[in-house]
């Protein structure tokens, strides 16, 4: 099992293909959602925020699956690293 403190929420960044309309962004347990561009010019929505545990992460990923969205990347953000700003990917 990997090292880590499982008592504290961990910040994740989840990139999904396309633009996620505002009414749908509330479905992701308070994660922020910003639109951005990938290096190839494709539009993505970046969801970022604390996730309580692996079960909560799976719940978020299941919602993405249920909404028929394409996951581009999932990244665990280490404490102290900068969070993405709108338009930066």
N, C-alpha and C. Protein backbone atom coordinates (compact mmCIF):
# COMPACT_ATOMS: atom_id res chain seq x y z
N UNK A 1 0.85 -1.18 0.00
CA UNK A 1 0.00 0.00 0.00
C UNK A 1 0.89 1.24 0.00
N UNK A 2 0.56 2.27 -0.81
CA UNK A 2 1.39 3.46 -0.86
C UNK A 2 1.37 4.24 0.44
N UNK A 3 2.47 4.96 0.67
CA UNK A 3 2.53 5.82 1.84
C UNK A 3 1.57 6.97 1.68
N UNK A 4 1.09 7.51 2.79
CA UNK A 4 0.20 8.67 2.73
C UNK A 4 -0.66 8.75 3.96
N UNK A 5 -1.15 9.95 4.23
CA UNK A 5 -2.03 10.19 5.35
C UNK A 5 -3.46 10.14 4.83
N UNK A 6 -4.17 9.06 5.15
CA UNK A 6 -5.51 8.87 4.63
C UNK A 6 -6.57 9.56 5.49
N UNK A 7 -6.16 10.28 6.55
CA UNK A 7 -7.10 10.99 7.39
C UNK A 7 -7.41 12.38 6.86
N UNK A 8 -6.59 12.89 5.98
CA UNK A 8 -6.74 14.24 5.45
C UNK A 8 -7.22 14.18 4.01
N UNK A 9 -8.13 15.11 3.63
CA UNK A 9 -8.52 15.17 2.22
C UNK A 9 -7.31 15.50 1.35
N UNK A 10 -7.32 15.00 0.14
CA UNK A 10 -6.26 15.23 -0.82
C UNK A 10 -6.86 16.04 -1.98
N UNK A 11 -6.10 16.98 -2.51
CA UNK A 11 -6.58 17.78 -3.63
C UNK A 11 -6.29 17.04 -4.94
N UNK A 12 -7.33 16.93 -5.75
CA UNK A 12 -7.21 16.31 -7.05
C UNK A 12 -7.58 17.30 -8.13
N UNK A 13 -6.98 17.12 -9.30
CA UNK A 13 -7.32 17.86 -10.51
C UNK A 13 -7.77 16.82 -11.53
N UNK A 14 -8.99 16.98 -12.01
CA UNK A 14 -9.55 16.06 -12.99
C UNK A 14 -9.89 16.85 -14.24
N UNK A 15 -9.31 16.46 -15.36
CA UNK A 15 -9.57 17.13 -16.64
C UNK A 15 -10.54 16.27 -17.44
N UNK A 16 -11.61 16.91 -17.92
CA UNK A 16 -12.56 16.21 -18.77
C UNK A 16 -12.64 16.95 -20.10
N UNK A 17 -12.87 16.20 -21.15
CA UNK A 17 -12.92 16.76 -22.49
C UNK A 17 -14.15 17.64 -22.65
N UNK A 18 -13.97 18.79 -23.30
CA UNK A 18 -15.08 19.69 -23.60
C UNK A 18 -15.37 20.67 -22.48
N UNK A 19 -16.42 21.45 -22.69
CA UNK A 19 -16.84 22.46 -21.72
C UNK A 19 -18.03 21.94 -20.94
N UNK A 20 -17.92 21.94 -19.63
CA UNK A 20 -18.98 21.49 -18.76
C UNK A 20 -19.80 22.71 -18.35
N UNK A 21 -21.07 22.76 -18.73
CA UNK A 21 -21.93 23.91 -18.44
C UNK A 21 -22.09 24.11 -16.93
N UNK A 22 -22.24 25.36 -16.52
CA UNK A 22 -22.32 25.72 -15.11
C UNK A 22 -23.31 24.89 -14.28
N UNK A 23 -24.53 24.62 -14.76
CA UNK A 23 -25.45 23.86 -13.91
C UNK A 23 -24.91 22.48 -13.52
N UNK A 24 -24.03 21.91 -14.33
CA UNK A 24 -23.52 20.57 -14.07
C UNK A 24 -22.32 20.57 -13.13
N UNK A 25 -21.66 21.71 -12.98
CA UNK A 25 -20.45 21.72 -12.16
C UNK A 25 -20.75 21.50 -10.68
N UNK A 26 -21.97 21.74 -10.25
CA UNK A 26 -22.35 21.51 -8.86
C UNK A 26 -22.47 20.04 -8.49
N UNK A 27 -22.33 19.16 -9.43
CA UNK A 27 -22.46 17.72 -9.19
C UNK A 27 -21.19 17.09 -8.64
N UNK A 28 -20.16 17.90 -8.41
CA UNK A 28 -18.85 17.33 -8.09
C UNK A 28 -18.34 17.72 -6.72
N UNK A 29 -19.21 17.63 -5.72
CA UNK A 29 -18.83 17.78 -4.31
C UNK A 29 -18.02 19.04 -4.02
N UNK A 30 -18.43 20.18 -4.59
CA UNK A 30 -17.77 21.44 -4.29
C UNK A 30 -16.46 21.69 -4.99
N UNK A 31 -16.09 20.86 -5.95
CA UNK A 31 -14.86 21.10 -6.70
C UNK A 31 -15.06 22.32 -7.58
N UNK A 32 -14.00 23.11 -7.77
CA UNK A 32 -14.07 24.24 -8.70
C UNK A 32 -13.99 23.70 -10.12
N UNK A 33 -14.56 24.43 -11.05
CA UNK A 33 -14.54 24.02 -12.46
C UNK A 33 -14.18 25.22 -13.30
N UNK A 34 -13.12 25.09 -14.10
CA UNK A 34 -12.72 26.15 -15.02
C UNK A 34 -12.47 25.53 -16.39
N UNK A 35 -12.77 26.32 -17.42
CA UNK A 35 -12.51 25.87 -18.79
C UNK A 35 -11.09 26.24 -19.16
N UNK A 36 -10.47 25.43 -19.96
CA UNK A 36 -9.11 25.69 -20.41
C UNK A 36 -8.85 25.02 -21.73
N UNK A 37 -7.66 25.26 -22.25
CA UNK A 37 -7.25 24.65 -23.51
C UNK A 37 -6.05 23.75 -23.27
N UNK A 38 -6.05 22.61 -23.90
CA UNK A 38 -4.91 21.72 -23.88
C UNK A 38 -3.87 22.26 -24.87
N UNK A 39 -2.67 21.72 -24.86
CA UNK A 39 -1.60 22.16 -25.76
C UNK A 39 -2.01 22.01 -27.23
N UNK A 40 -2.86 21.01 -27.53
CA UNK A 40 -3.29 20.80 -28.91
C UNK A 40 -4.48 21.69 -29.30
N UNK A 41 -4.92 22.56 -28.38
CA UNK A 41 -6.01 23.48 -28.67
C UNK A 41 -7.39 22.95 -28.33
N UNK A 42 -7.48 21.72 -27.84
CA UNK A 42 -8.78 21.16 -27.50
C UNK A 42 -9.29 21.74 -26.17
N UNK A 43 -10.59 21.90 -26.07
CA UNK A 43 -11.22 22.48 -24.89
C UNK A 43 -11.38 21.41 -23.81
N UNK A 44 -11.05 21.77 -22.58
CA UNK A 44 -11.24 20.89 -21.43
C UNK A 44 -11.87 21.67 -20.29
N UNK A 45 -12.51 20.93 -19.39
CA UNK A 45 -12.96 21.50 -18.13
C UNK A 45 -12.08 20.89 -17.05
N UNK A 46 -11.54 21.74 -16.19
CA UNK A 46 -10.66 21.29 -15.12
C UNK A 46 -11.41 21.38 -13.81
N UNK A 47 -11.65 20.23 -13.20
CA UNK A 47 -12.27 20.15 -11.89
C UNK A 47 -11.15 20.03 -10.88
N UNK A 48 -11.17 20.82 -9.82
CA UNK A 48 -10.11 20.75 -8.82
C UNK A 48 -10.69 21.01 -7.44
N UNK A 49 -10.17 20.28 -6.47
CA UNK A 49 -10.60 20.50 -5.10
C UNK A 49 -10.26 19.32 -4.22
N UNK A 50 -10.52 19.48 -2.91
CA UNK A 50 -10.23 18.40 -1.98
C UNK A 50 -11.21 17.25 -2.13
N UNK A 51 -10.69 16.05 -1.99
CA UNK A 51 -11.48 14.83 -2.05
C UNK A 51 -11.20 14.07 -0.75
N UNK A 52 -12.26 13.73 -0.03
CA UNK A 52 -12.14 13.16 1.31
C UNK A 52 -11.32 11.88 1.35
N UNK A 53 -11.55 10.98 0.40
CA UNK A 53 -10.87 9.69 0.40
C UNK A 53 -11.05 9.02 -0.96
N UNK A 54 -10.55 7.82 -1.10
CA UNK A 54 -10.61 7.11 -2.37
C UNK A 54 -12.05 6.79 -2.77
N UNK A 55 -12.92 6.52 -1.79
CA UNK A 55 -14.32 6.25 -2.10
C UNK A 55 -14.98 7.49 -2.69
N UNK A 56 -14.67 8.68 -2.16
CA UNK A 56 -15.22 9.92 -2.70
C UNK A 56 -14.69 10.17 -4.11
N UNK A 57 -13.41 9.88 -4.35
CA UNK A 57 -12.84 10.03 -5.68
C UNK A 57 -13.56 9.12 -6.67
N UNK A 58 -13.79 7.90 -6.26
CA UNK A 58 -14.51 6.96 -7.13
C UNK A 58 -15.93 7.47 -7.42
N UNK A 59 -16.58 8.06 -6.42
CA UNK A 59 -17.91 8.62 -6.63
C UNK A 59 -17.90 9.73 -7.67
N UNK A 60 -16.90 10.60 -7.61
CA UNK A 60 -16.77 11.68 -8.59
C UNK A 60 -16.53 11.10 -9.98
N UNK A 61 -15.63 10.13 -10.08
CA UNK A 61 -15.34 9.51 -11.37
C UNK A 61 -16.57 8.77 -11.91
N UNK A 62 -17.35 8.16 -11.01
CA UNK A 62 -18.59 7.51 -11.46
C UNK A 62 -19.58 8.52 -12.02
N UNK A 63 -19.68 9.72 -11.40
CA UNK A 63 -20.56 10.76 -11.92
C UNK A 63 -20.11 11.22 -13.30
N UNK A 64 -18.79 11.34 -13.46
CA UNK A 64 -18.25 11.71 -14.77
C UNK A 64 -18.63 10.65 -15.80
N UNK A 65 -18.51 9.39 -15.43
CA UNK A 65 -18.89 8.27 -16.31
C UNK A 65 -20.38 8.34 -16.64
N UNK A 66 -21.21 8.55 -15.62
CA UNK A 66 -22.66 8.62 -15.81
C UNK A 66 -23.07 9.77 -16.72
N UNK A 67 -22.29 10.85 -16.72
CA UNK A 67 -22.58 12.01 -17.57
C UNK A 67 -22.00 11.84 -18.97
N UNK A 68 -21.38 10.69 -19.22
CA UNK A 68 -20.78 10.36 -20.50
C UNK A 68 -19.69 11.35 -20.91
N UNK A 69 -18.91 11.80 -19.92
CA UNK A 69 -17.79 12.70 -20.17
C UNK A 69 -16.52 11.87 -20.35
N UNK A 70 -15.59 12.39 -21.12
CA UNK A 70 -14.32 11.72 -21.35
C UNK A 70 -13.26 12.29 -20.40
N UNK A 71 -12.66 11.44 -19.59
CA UNK A 71 -11.59 11.86 -18.69
C UNK A 71 -10.30 11.97 -19.49
N UNK A 72 -9.66 13.14 -19.38
CA UNK A 72 -8.38 13.36 -20.05
C UNK A 72 -7.24 13.02 -19.09
N UNK A 73 -7.39 13.41 -17.82
CA UNK A 73 -6.34 13.15 -16.83
C UNK A 73 -6.89 13.30 -15.42
N UNK A 74 -6.29 12.55 -14.50
CA UNK A 74 -6.55 12.68 -13.07
C UNK A 74 -5.20 12.86 -12.41
N UNK A 75 -5.07 13.94 -11.62
CA UNK A 75 -3.78 14.23 -11.00
C UNK A 75 -3.98 14.55 -9.54
N UNK A 76 -3.18 13.93 -8.69
CA UNK A 76 -3.16 14.25 -7.27
C UNK A 76 -2.22 15.43 -7.09
N UNK A 77 -2.72 16.50 -6.47
CA UNK A 77 -1.95 17.72 -6.29
C UNK A 77 -1.26 17.67 -4.94
N UNK A 78 0.04 17.87 -4.94
CA UNK A 78 0.78 17.85 -3.68
C UNK A 78 0.61 19.19 -2.97
N UNK A 79 0.61 19.18 -1.64
CA UNK A 79 0.45 20.43 -0.90
C UNK A 79 1.51 21.45 -1.31
N UNK A 80 1.09 22.70 -1.45
CA UNK A 80 2.02 23.76 -1.80
C UNK A 80 2.18 24.00 -3.28
N UNK A 81 1.67 23.08 -4.13
CA UNK A 81 1.80 23.31 -5.57
C UNK A 81 0.70 24.27 -6.01
N UNK A 82 0.97 25.07 -7.03
CA UNK A 82 -0.04 26.04 -7.47
C UNK A 82 -1.24 25.35 -8.09
N UNK A 83 -2.44 25.92 -7.88
CA UNK A 83 -3.66 25.40 -8.49
C UNK A 83 -3.85 26.08 -9.82
N UNK A 84 -4.45 25.40 -10.78
CA UNK A 84 -4.61 26.00 -12.10
C UNK A 84 -5.53 27.20 -12.06
N UNK A 85 -5.18 28.20 -12.82
CA UNK A 85 -6.05 29.37 -12.96
C UNK A 85 -6.83 29.20 -14.26
N UNK A 86 -7.89 29.94 -14.39
CA UNK A 86 -8.72 29.85 -15.58
C UNK A 86 -7.87 30.11 -16.82
N UNK A 87 -8.02 29.22 -17.80
CA UNK A 87 -7.30 29.38 -19.06
C UNK A 87 -5.90 28.82 -19.05
N UNK A 88 -5.42 28.35 -17.90
CA UNK A 88 -4.09 27.73 -17.84
C UNK A 88 -4.25 26.25 -17.65
N UNK A 89 -3.50 25.47 -18.41
CA UNK A 89 -3.56 24.01 -18.26
C UNK A 89 -2.16 23.45 -18.20
